[in-house]
Amino acid sequence: MSEESVDSVPPQGGSAGRPKGLLEQMEELMAALNADLSALDADLQSAGGSRWASAEEGERG
């Protein structure tokens, strides 16, 4: 069983050369997260607040 799990782990770095360090991986993940949050923020800004206002009115009435 342990041989199967070792074989299924992909090698770090792939064919790109040296493996990436933890800091470099974290920086890439943070950049991707930042881009996703920026896109979400833009979507929410373009929606205005009309969705939230209508939902609040529905709860009151």
PDB file of N, CA and C in Angstrom:
ATOM      1  N   MET A   1       0.814  -1.180   0.000  1.00  0.00           N
ATOM      2  CA  MET A   1       0.000   0.000   0.000  1.00  0.00           C
ATOM      3  C   MET A   1       0.870   1.260   0.000  1.00  0.00           C
ATOM      4  N   SER A   2       1.922   1.281   0.766  1.00  0.00           N
ATOM      5  CA  SER A   2       2.759   2.468   0.819  1.00  0.00           C
ATOM      6  C   SER A   2       3.465   2.711  -0.505  1.00  0.00           C
ATOM      7  N   GLU A   3       3.764   1.657  -1.268  1.00  0.00           N
ATOM      8  CA  GLU A   3       4.397   1.832  -2.574  1.00  0.00           C
ATOM      9  C   GLU A   3       3.454   2.545  -3.540  1.00  0.00           C
ATOM     10  N   GLU A   4       2.163   2.234  -3.473  1.00  0.00           N
ATOM     11  CA  GLU A   4       1.192   2.882  -4.353  1.00  0.00           C
ATOM     12  C   GLU A   4       1.095   4.375  -4.055  1.00  0.00           C
ATOM     13  N   SER A   5       1.070   4.735  -2.781  1.00  0.00           N
ATOM     14  CA  SER A   5       0.936   6.139  -2.427  1.00  0.00           C
ATOM     15  C   SER A   5       2.176   6.926  -2.828  1.00  0.00           C
ATOM     16  N   VAL A   6       3.347   6.344  -2.735  1.00  0.00           N
ATOM     17  CA  VAL A   6       4.573   7.031  -3.135  1.00  0.00           C
ATOM     18  C   VAL A   6       4.591   7.228  -4.641  1.00  0.00           C
ATOM     19  N   ASP A   7       4.155   6.223  -5.399  1.00  0.00           N
ATOM     20  CA  ASP A   7       4.157   6.315  -6.857  1.00  0.00           C
ATOM     21  C   ASP A   7       3.156   7.346  -7.365  1.00  0.00           C
ATOM     22  N   SER A   8       2.072   7.583  -6.626  1.00  0.00           N
ATOM     23  CA  SER A   8       1.038   8.496  -7.104  1.00  0.00           C
ATOM     24  C   SER A   8       1.361   9.961  -6.833  1.00  0.00           C
ATOM     25  N   VAL A   9       2.423  10.246  -6.061  1.00  0.00           N
ATOM     26  CA  VAL A   9       2.785  11.626  -5.754  1.00  0.00           C
ATOM     27  C   VAL A   9       3.585  12.194  -6.915  1.00  0.00           C
ATOM     28  N   PRO A  10       3.114  13.295  -7.540  1.00  0.00           N
ATOM     29  CA  PRO A  10       3.860  13.873  -8.659  1.00  0.00           C
ATOM     30  C   PRO A  10       5.149  14.513  -8.169  1.00  0.00           C
ATOM     31  N   PRO A  11       6.192  14.465  -8.958  1.00  0.00           N
ATOM     32  CA  PRO A  11       7.442  15.091  -8.542  1.00  0.00           C
ATOM     33  C   PRO A  11       7.305  16.598  -8.497  1.00  0.00           C
ATOM     34  N   GLN A  12       7.972  17.229  -7.548  1.00  0.00           N
ATOM     35  CA  GLN A  12       7.894  18.681  -7.421  1.00  0.00           C
ATOM     36  C   GLN A  12       8.645  19.340  -8.558  1.00  0.00           C
ATOM     37  N   GLY A  13       8.092  20.415  -9.070  1.00  0.00           N
ATOM     38  CA  GLY A  13       8.776  21.179 -10.100  1.00  0.00           C
ATOM     39  C   GLY A  13       8.494  20.698 -11.502  1.00  0.00           C
ATOM     40  N   GLY A  14       8.113  19.458 -11.674  1.00  0.00           N
ATOM     41  CA  GLY A  14       7.834  18.944 -13.001  1.00  0.00           C
ATOM     42  C   GLY A  14       9.056  19.018 -13.897  1.00  0.00           C
ATOM     43  N   SER A  15       8.860  19.381 -15.142  1.00  0.00           N
ATOM     44  CA  SER A  15       9.965  19.462 -16.086  1.00  0.00           C
ATOM     45  C   SER A  15      10.510  20.881 -16.186  1.00  0.00           C
ATOM     46  N   ALA A  16      10.053  21.758 -15.333  1.00  0.00           N
ATOM     47  CA  ALA A  16      10.455  23.157 -15.399  1.00  0.00           C
ATOM     48  C   ALA A  16      11.838  23.403 -14.804  1.00  0.00           C
ATOM     49  N   GLY A  17      12.451  22.417 -14.198  1.00  0.00           N
ATOM     50  CA  GLY A  17      13.761  22.611 -13.601  1.00  0.00           C
ATOM     51  C   GLY A  17      13.703  22.426 -12.104  1.00  0.00           C
ATOM     52  N   ARG A  18      14.272  23.393 -11.383  1.00  0.00           N
ATOM     53  CA  ARG A  18      14.319  23.254  -9.931  1.00  0.00           C
ATOM     54  C   ARG A  18      12.927  23.366  -9.325  1.00  0.00           C
ATOM     55  N   PRO A  19      12.680  22.653  -8.232  1.00  0.00           N
ATOM     56  CA  PRO A  19      11.371  22.744  -7.574  1.00  0.00           C
ATOM     57  C   PRO A  19      11.162  24.124  -6.971  1.00  0.00           C
ATOM     58  N   LYS A  20       9.912  24.536  -6.932  1.00  0.00           N
ATOM     59  CA  LYS A  20       9.568  25.838  -6.349  1.00  0.00           C
ATOM     60  C   LYS A  20       9.662  25.766  -4.836  1.00  0.00           C
ATOM     61  N   GLY A  21      10.097  26.861  -4.251  1.00  0.00           N
ATOM     62  CA  GLY A  21      10.133  26.945  -2.804  1.00  0.00           C
ATOM     63  C   GLY A  21       8.753  27.251  -2.263  1.00  0.00           C
ATOM     64  N   LEU A  22       8.589  27.039  -0.994  1.00  0.00           N
ATOM     65  CA  LEU A  22       7.306  27.277  -0.344  1.00  0.00           C
ATOM     66  C   LEU A  22       6.893  28.744  -0.462  1.00  0.00           C
ATOM     67  N   LEU A  23       7.840  29.650  -0.303  1.00  0.00           N
ATOM     68  CA  LEU A  23       7.531  31.070  -0.402  1.00  0.00           C
ATOM     69  C   LEU A  23       7.041  31.432  -1.803  1.00  0.00           C
ATOM     70  N   GLU A  24       7.681  30.882  -2.810  1.00  0.00           N
ATOM     71  CA  GLU A  24       7.273  31.163  -4.191  1.00  0.00           C
ATOM     72  C   GLU A  24       5.868  30.616  -4.465  1.00  0.00           C
ATOM     73  N   GLN A  25       5.581  29.421  -3.949  1.00  0.00           N
ATOM     74  CA  GLN A  25       4.241  28.847  -4.112  1.00  0.00           C
ATOM     75  C   GLN A  25       3.200  29.707  -3.416  1.00  0.00           C
ATOM     76  N   MET A  26       3.517  30.174  -2.207  1.00  0.00           N
ATOM     77  CA  MET A  26       2.574  31.007  -1.464  1.00  0.00           C
ATOM     78  C   MET A  26       2.336  32.335  -2.181  1.00  0.00           C
ATOM     79  N   GLU A  27       3.386  32.909  -2.749  1.00  0.00           N
ATOM     80  CA  GLU A  27       3.224  34.173  -3.480  1.00  0.00           C
ATOM     81  C   GLU A  27       2.315  33.984  -4.687  1.00  0.00           C
ATOM     82  N   GLU A  28       2.476  32.865  -5.405  1.00  0.00           N
ATOM     83  CA  GLU A  28       1.614  32.593  -6.555  1.00  0.00           C
ATOM     84  C   GLU A  28       0.164  32.392  -6.118  1.00  0.00           C
ATOM     85  N   LEU A  29      -0.033  31.669  -5.035  1.00  0.00           N
ATOM     86  CA  LEU A  29      -1.392  31.457  -4.532  1.00  0.00           C
ATOM     87  C   LEU A  29      -2.033  32.759  -4.077  1.00  0.00           C
ATOM     88  N   MET A  30      -1.260  33.603  -3.408  1.00  0.00           N
ATOM     89  CA  MET A  30      -1.789  34.887  -2.947  1.00  0.00           C
ATOM     90  C   MET A  30      -2.144  35.783  -4.138  1.00  0.00           C
ATOM     91  N   ALA A  31      -1.326  35.752  -5.186  1.00  0.00           N
ATOM     92  CA  ALA A  31      -1.622  36.545  -6.378  1.00  0.00           C
ATOM     93  C   ALA A  31      -2.912  36.054  -7.044  1.00  0.00           C
ATOM     94  N   ALA A  32      -3.085  34.743  -7.117  1.00  0.00           N
ATOM     95  CA  ALA A  32      -4.301  34.194  -7.705  1.00  0.00           C
ATOM     96  C   ALA A  32      -5.517  34.534  -6.849  1.00  0.00           C
ATOM     97  N   LEU A  33      -5.382  34.445  -5.537  1.00  0.00           N
ATOM     98  CA  LEU A  33      -6.475  34.791  -4.631  1.00  0.00           C
ATOM     99  C   LEU A  33      -6.835  36.266  -4.759  1.00  0.00           C
ATOM    100  N   ASN A  34      -5.830  37.109  -4.849  1.00  0.00           N
ATOM    101  CA  ASN A  34      -6.059  38.544  -5.002  1.00  0.00           C
ATOM    102  C   ASN A  34      -6.819  38.833  -6.297  1.00  0.00           C
ATOM    103  N   ALA A  35      -6.444  38.164  -7.385  1.00  0.00           N
ATOM    104  CA  ALA A  35      -7.136  38.357  -8.658  1.00  0.00           C
ATOM    105  C   ALA A  35      -8.592  37.906  -8.556  1.00  0.00           C
ATOM    106  N   ASP A  36      -8.831  36.769  -7.895  1.00  0.00           N
ATOM    107  CA  ASP A  36     -10.199  36.272  -7.722  1.00  0.00           C
ATOM    108  C   ASP A  36     -11.037  37.231  -6.884  1.00  0.00           C
ATOM    109  N   LEU A  37     -10.452  37.750  -5.812  1.00  0.00           N
ATOM    110  CA  LEU A  37     -11.184  38.692  -4.962  1.00  0.00           C
ATOM    111  C   LEU A  37     -11.460  39.999  -5.690  1.00  0.00           C
ATOM    112  N   SER A  38     -10.530  40.437  -6.518  1.00  0.00           N
ATOM    113  CA  SER A  38     -10.745  41.657  -7.303  1.00  0.00           C
ATOM    114  C   SER A  38     -11.894  41.467  -8.284  1.00  0.00           C
ATOM    115  N   ALA A  39     -11.933  40.295  -8.916  1.00  0.00           N
ATOM    116  CA  ALA A  39     -13.020  40.008  -9.852  1.00  0.00           C
ATOM    117  C   ALA A  39     -14.358  39.938  -9.115  1.00  0.00           C
ATOM    118  N   LEU A  40     -14.379  39.327  -7.952  1.00  0.00           N
ATOM    119  CA  LEU A  40     -15.602  39.254  -7.162  1.00  0.00           C
ATOM    120  C   LEU A  40     -16.056  40.642  -6.733  1.00  0.00           C
ATOM    121  N   ASP A  41     -15.101  41.470  -6.314  1.00  0.00           N
ATOM    122  CA  ASP A  41     -15.419  42.835  -5.916  1.00  0.00           C
ATOM    123  C   ASP A  41     -16.016  43.610  -7.087  1.00  0.00           C
ATOM    124  N   ALA A  42     -15.440  43.450  -8.269  1.00  0.00           N
ATOM    125  CA  ALA A  42     -15.965  44.133  -9.450  1.00  0.00           C
ATOM    126  C   ALA A  42     -17.383  43.663  -9.765  1.00  0.00           C
ATOM    127  N   ASP A  43     -17.633  42.367  -9.630  1.00  0.00           N
ATOM    128  CA  ASP A  43     -18.984  41.839  -9.862  1.00  0.00           C
ATOM    129  C   ASP A  43     -19.982  42.425  -8.872  1.00  0.00           C
ATOM    130  N   LEU A  44     -19.582  42.492  -7.613  1.00  0.00           N
ATOM    131  CA  LEU A  44     -20.486  43.032  -6.596  1.00  0.00           C
ATOM    132  C   LEU A  44     -20.714  44.528  -6.796  1.00  0.00           C
ATOM    133  N   GLN A  45     -19.675  45.258  -7.185  1.00  0.00           N
ATOM    134  CA  GLN A  45     -19.822  46.689  -7.428  1.00  0.00           C
ATOM    135  C   GLN A  45     -20.746  46.942  -8.615  1.00  0.00           C
ATOM    136  N   SER A  46     -20.615  46.120  -9.672  1.00  0.00           N
ATOM    137  CA  SER A  46     -21.464  46.323 -10.848  1.00  0.00           C
ATOM    138  C   SER A  46     -22.920  45.972 -10.557  1.00  0.00           C
ATOM    139  N   ALA A  47     -23.130  45.083  -9.574  1.00  0.00           N
ATOM    140  CA  ALA A  47     -24.502  44.718  -9.207  1.00  0.00           C
ATOM    141  C   ALA A  47     -25.173  45.862  -8.454  1.00  0.00           C
ATOM    142  N   GLY A  48     -24.360  46.789  -7.971  1.00  0.00           N
ATOM    143  CA  GLY A  48     -24.935  47.935  -7.268  1.00  0.00           C
ATOM    144  C   GLY A  48     -25.250  47.572  -5.838  1.00  0.00           C
ATOM    145  N   GLY A  49     -26.305  47.425  -5.417  1.00  0.00           N
ATOM    146  CA  GLY A  49     -26.725  46.993  -4.116  1.00  0.00           C
ATOM    147  C   GLY A  49     -28.180  46.676  -4.267  1.00  0.00           C
ATOM    148  N   SER A  50     -28.628  46.698  -5.516  1.00  0.00           N
ATOM    149  CA  SER A  50     -30.039  46.494  -5.790  1.00  0.00           C
ATOM    150  C   SER A  50     -30.507  45.130  -5.297  1.00  0.00           C
ATOM    151  N   ARG A  51     -29.650  44.137  -5.413  1.00  0.00           N
ATOM    152  CA  ARG A  51     -30.043  42.813  -4.929  1.00  0.00           C
ATOM    153  C   ARG A  51     -30.243  42.835  -3.419  1.00  0.00           C
ATOM    154  N   TRP A  52     -29.305  43.482  -2.710  1.00  0.00           N
ATOM    155  CA  TRP A  52     -29.392  43.511  -1.252  1.00  0.00           C
ATOM    156  C   TRP A  52     -30.573  44.362  -0.796  1.00  0.00           C
ATOM    157  N   ALA A  53     -30.820  45.468  -1.466  1.00  0.00           N
ATOM    158  CA  ALA A  53     -31.921  46.334  -1.074  1.00  0.00           C
ATOM    159  C   ALA A  53     -33.260  45.618  -1.264  1.00  0.00           C
ATOM    160  N   SER A  54     -33.419  44.925  -2.378  1.00  0.00           N
ATOM    161  CA  SER A  54     -34.682  44.230  -2.612  1.00  0.00           C
ATOM    162  C   SER A  54     -34.857  43.073  -1.640  1.00  0.00           C
ATOM    163  N   ALA A  55     -33.780  42.423  -1.247  1.00  0.00           N
ATOM    164  CA  ALA A  55     -33.878  41.331  -0.276  1.00  0.00           C
ATOM    165  C   ALA A  55     -34.277  41.877   1.100  1.00  0.00           C
ATOM    166  N   GLU A  56     -33.724  43.022   1.478  1.00  0.00           N
ATOM    167  CA  GLU A  56     -34.063  43.603   2.761  1.00  0.00           C
ATOM    168  C   GLU A  56     -35.519  44.062   2.783  1.00  0.00           C
ATOM    169  N   GLU A  57     -36.006  44.618   1.671  1.00  0.00           N
ATOM    170  CA  GLU A  57     -37.399  45.039   1.605  1.00  0.00           C
ATOM    171  C   GLU A  57     -38.330  43.840   1.714  1.00  0.00           C
ATOM    172  N   GLY A  58     -37.940  42.711   1.111  1.00  0.00           N
ATOM    173  CA  GLY A  58     -38.746  41.516   1.183  1.00  0.00           C
ATOM    174  C   GLY A  58     -38.861  40.987   2.595  1.00  0.00           C
ATOM    175  N   GLU A  59     -37.780  41.111   3.370  1.00  0.00           N
ATOM    176  CA  GLU A  59     -37.809  40.644   4.750  1.00  0.00           C
ATOM    177  C   GLU A  59     -38.679  41.549   5.612  1.00  0.00           C
ATOM    178  N   ARG A  60     -38.670  42.842   5.343  1.00  0.00           N
ATOM    179  CA  ARG A  60     -39.453  43.800   6.141  1.00  0.00           C
ATOM    180  C   ARG A  60     -40.939  43.682   5.853  1.00  0.00           C
ATOM    181  N   GLY A  61     -41.245  43.496   4.576  1.00  0.00           N
ATOM    182  CA  GLY A  61     -42.652  43.542   4.186  1.00  0.00           C
ATOM    183  C   GLY A  61     -43.315  42.242   4.295  1.00  0.00           C
TER     184      GLY A  61
END
